[in-house]
Amino acid sequence: MRTRRPLSTKAMANGNDDDDREEYLGVSRSSRRNQPRVDLSKLEVPTLKKYRRVFKLNGNVESKEELVPTVARHFAQQVVDEDDILLNFAFSLKKQYLARRGLLPAKANGKSSGKGKK
């Protein structure tokens, strides 16, 4: 059985479970918000340029050193609805599972079979 590292008395005193969990994991709220979780410097220049073009970011910078901060600022400002993302991910997994087993209903191609509305 694994044991957890004890929390500080400060974390226990405020009674906030999120703070307790973050302290246990070694992550603070402020550092989690300020540091990107994605290392955009690993992307190639064409990818960074496409990101800039797709999201219509200002500037006509061409070098990777100029593109990375521009893309990183924009990326960090994006708001993500985690519940919606996770729900869509779960539905995608279910759809793939059913498709691989041939259990998905046939798609309607938009043509009327002549039945129903006139």
Protein backbone atom coordinates (compact mmCIF):
# COMPACT_ATOMS: atom_id res chain seq x y z
CA MET A 1 0.00 0.00 0.00
CA ARG A 2 1.39 3.42 -0.94
CA THR A 3 1.37 6.21 1.58
CA ARG A 4 0.91 9.88 0.86
CA ARG A 5 3.37 12.51 1.88
CA PRO A 6 1.95 14.46 4.81
CA LEU A 7 0.61 17.91 4.05
CA SER A 8 1.78 20.99 5.83
CA THR A 9 -0.31 22.36 8.70
CA LYS A 10 -0.92 25.49 6.60
CA ALA A 11 -2.65 23.47 3.88
CA MET A 12 -4.65 21.49 6.41
CA ALA A 13 -5.75 24.59 8.30
CA ASN A 14 -7.46 26.27 5.34
CA GLY A 15 -9.49 23.15 4.53
CA ASN A 16 -9.28 23.64 0.76
CA ASP A 17 -9.00 20.23 -0.89
CA ASP A 18 -7.74 21.74 -4.16
CA ASP A 19 -4.88 23.46 -2.37
CA ASP A 20 -4.09 20.23 -0.52
CA ARG A 21 -4.01 18.25 -3.73
CA GLU A 22 -1.86 20.87 -5.47
CA GLU A 23 0.58 21.03 -2.60
CA TYR A 24 0.83 17.24 -2.60
CA LEU A 25 1.55 17.30 -6.32
CA GLY A 26 4.04 20.15 -5.94
CA VAL A 27 2.04 22.56 -8.05
CA SER A 28 0.83 25.95 -6.91
CA ARG A 29 -2.11 27.75 -8.46
CA SER A 30 -0.05 30.71 -9.62
CA SER A 31 2.68 28.61 -11.24
CA ARG A 32 0.07 26.42 -12.93
CA ARG A 33 -1.58 29.43 -14.56
CA ASN A 34 1.59 31.25 -15.58
CA GLN A 35 3.52 28.38 -17.13
CA PRO A 36 2.39 26.83 -20.38
CA ARG A 37 1.98 23.08 -20.28
CA VAL A 38 2.89 22.86 -23.94
CA ASP A 39 6.41 23.56 -25.14
CA LEU A 40 5.63 25.46 -28.32
CA SER A 41 9.33 25.93 -29.08
CA LYS A 42 9.39 22.29 -30.22
CA LEU A 43 7.09 23.12 -33.13
CA GLU A 44 8.59 23.72 -36.55
CA VAL A 45 8.41 27.15 -38.23
CA PRO A 46 5.76 26.09 -40.83
CA THR A 47 3.50 24.87 -38.01
CA LEU A 48 3.93 28.11 -36.06
CA LYS A 49 3.19 30.11 -39.22
CA LYS A 50 0.06 28.06 -39.87
CA TYR A 51 -1.11 28.66 -36.28
CA ARG A 52 -0.54 32.39 -36.77
CA ARG A 53 -2.45 32.34 -40.07
CA VAL A 54 -5.38 30.22 -38.82
CA PHE A 55 -5.91 32.38 -35.73
CA LYS A 56 -5.20 35.61 -37.65
CA LEU A 57 -2.49 36.79 -35.27
CA ASN A 58 -0.92 40.16 -36.00
CA GLY A 59 2.61 40.55 -37.17
CA ASN A 60 4.65 39.42 -40.09
CA VAL A 61 7.42 37.73 -38.14
CA GLU A 62 9.31 35.00 -39.89
CA SER A 63 11.85 33.61 -37.41
CA LYS A 64 11.09 30.93 -34.88
CA GLU A 65 12.40 33.16 -32.07
CA GLU A 66 9.70 35.73 -32.89
CA LEU A 67 6.90 33.28 -33.66
CA VAL A 68 7.11 31.21 -30.46
CA PRO A 69 6.31 34.09 -28.04
CA THR A 70 3.48 35.34 -30.29
CA VAL A 71 1.90 31.90 -30.53
CA ALA A 72 2.51 31.17 -26.83
CA ARG A 73 0.72 34.37 -25.74
CA HIS A 74 -2.29 33.52 -27.88
CA PHE A 75 -2.31 29.87 -26.81
CA ALA A 76 -2.17 30.83 -23.12
CA GLN A 77 -5.21 33.12 -23.52
CA GLN A 78 -7.47 30.35 -24.85
CA VAL A 79 -10.33 29.37 -22.57
CA VAL A 80 -11.07 25.66 -22.41
CA ASP A 81 -14.24 24.09 -21.07
CA GLU A 82 -12.69 20.93 -19.62
CA ASP A 83 -16.03 19.24 -18.98
CA ASP A 84 -17.09 19.73 -22.59
CA ILE A 85 -13.73 18.52 -23.91
CA LEU A 86 -13.79 15.38 -21.75
CA LEU A 87 -17.39 14.61 -22.72
CA ASN A 88 -16.60 14.98 -26.43
CA PHE A 89 -13.52 12.80 -25.99
CA ALA A 90 -15.59 10.08 -24.31
CA PHE A 91 -18.17 10.19 -27.10
CA SER A 92 -15.39 9.97 -29.70
CA LEU A 93 -13.96 6.90 -28.00
CA LYS A 94 -17.39 5.27 -27.91
CA LYS A 95 -17.98 6.08 -31.57
CA GLN A 96 -14.60 4.59 -32.56
CA TYR A 97 -15.30 1.49 -30.48
CA LEU A 98 -18.69 0.97 -32.11
CA ALA A 99 -17.37 1.73 -35.61
CA ARG A 100 -14.58 -0.85 -35.33
CA ARG A 101 -17.14 -3.47 -34.41
CA GLY A 102 -19.61 -2.46 -37.12
CA LEU A 103 -22.22 -1.45 -34.56
CA LEU A 104 -22.83 2.13 -35.69
CA PRO A 105 -26.20 2.85 -37.32
CA ALA A 106 -26.08 3.63 -41.02
CA LYS A 107 -25.62 7.32 -41.76
CA ALA A 108 -28.43 9.18 -43.44
CA ASN A 109 -27.11 10.73 -46.63
CA GLY A 110 -29.75 13.46 -46.73
CA LYS A 111 -31.87 11.83 -49.45
CA SER A 112 -35.48 11.15 -48.75
CA SER A 113 -36.77 7.61 -49.17
CA GLY A 114 -40.17 8.93 -50.11
CA LYS A 115 -41.66 8.09 -46.76
CA GLY A 116 -42.72 10.60 -44.15
CA LYS A 117 -43.20 14.28 -45.01
CA LYS A 118 -44.72 15.29 -48.31
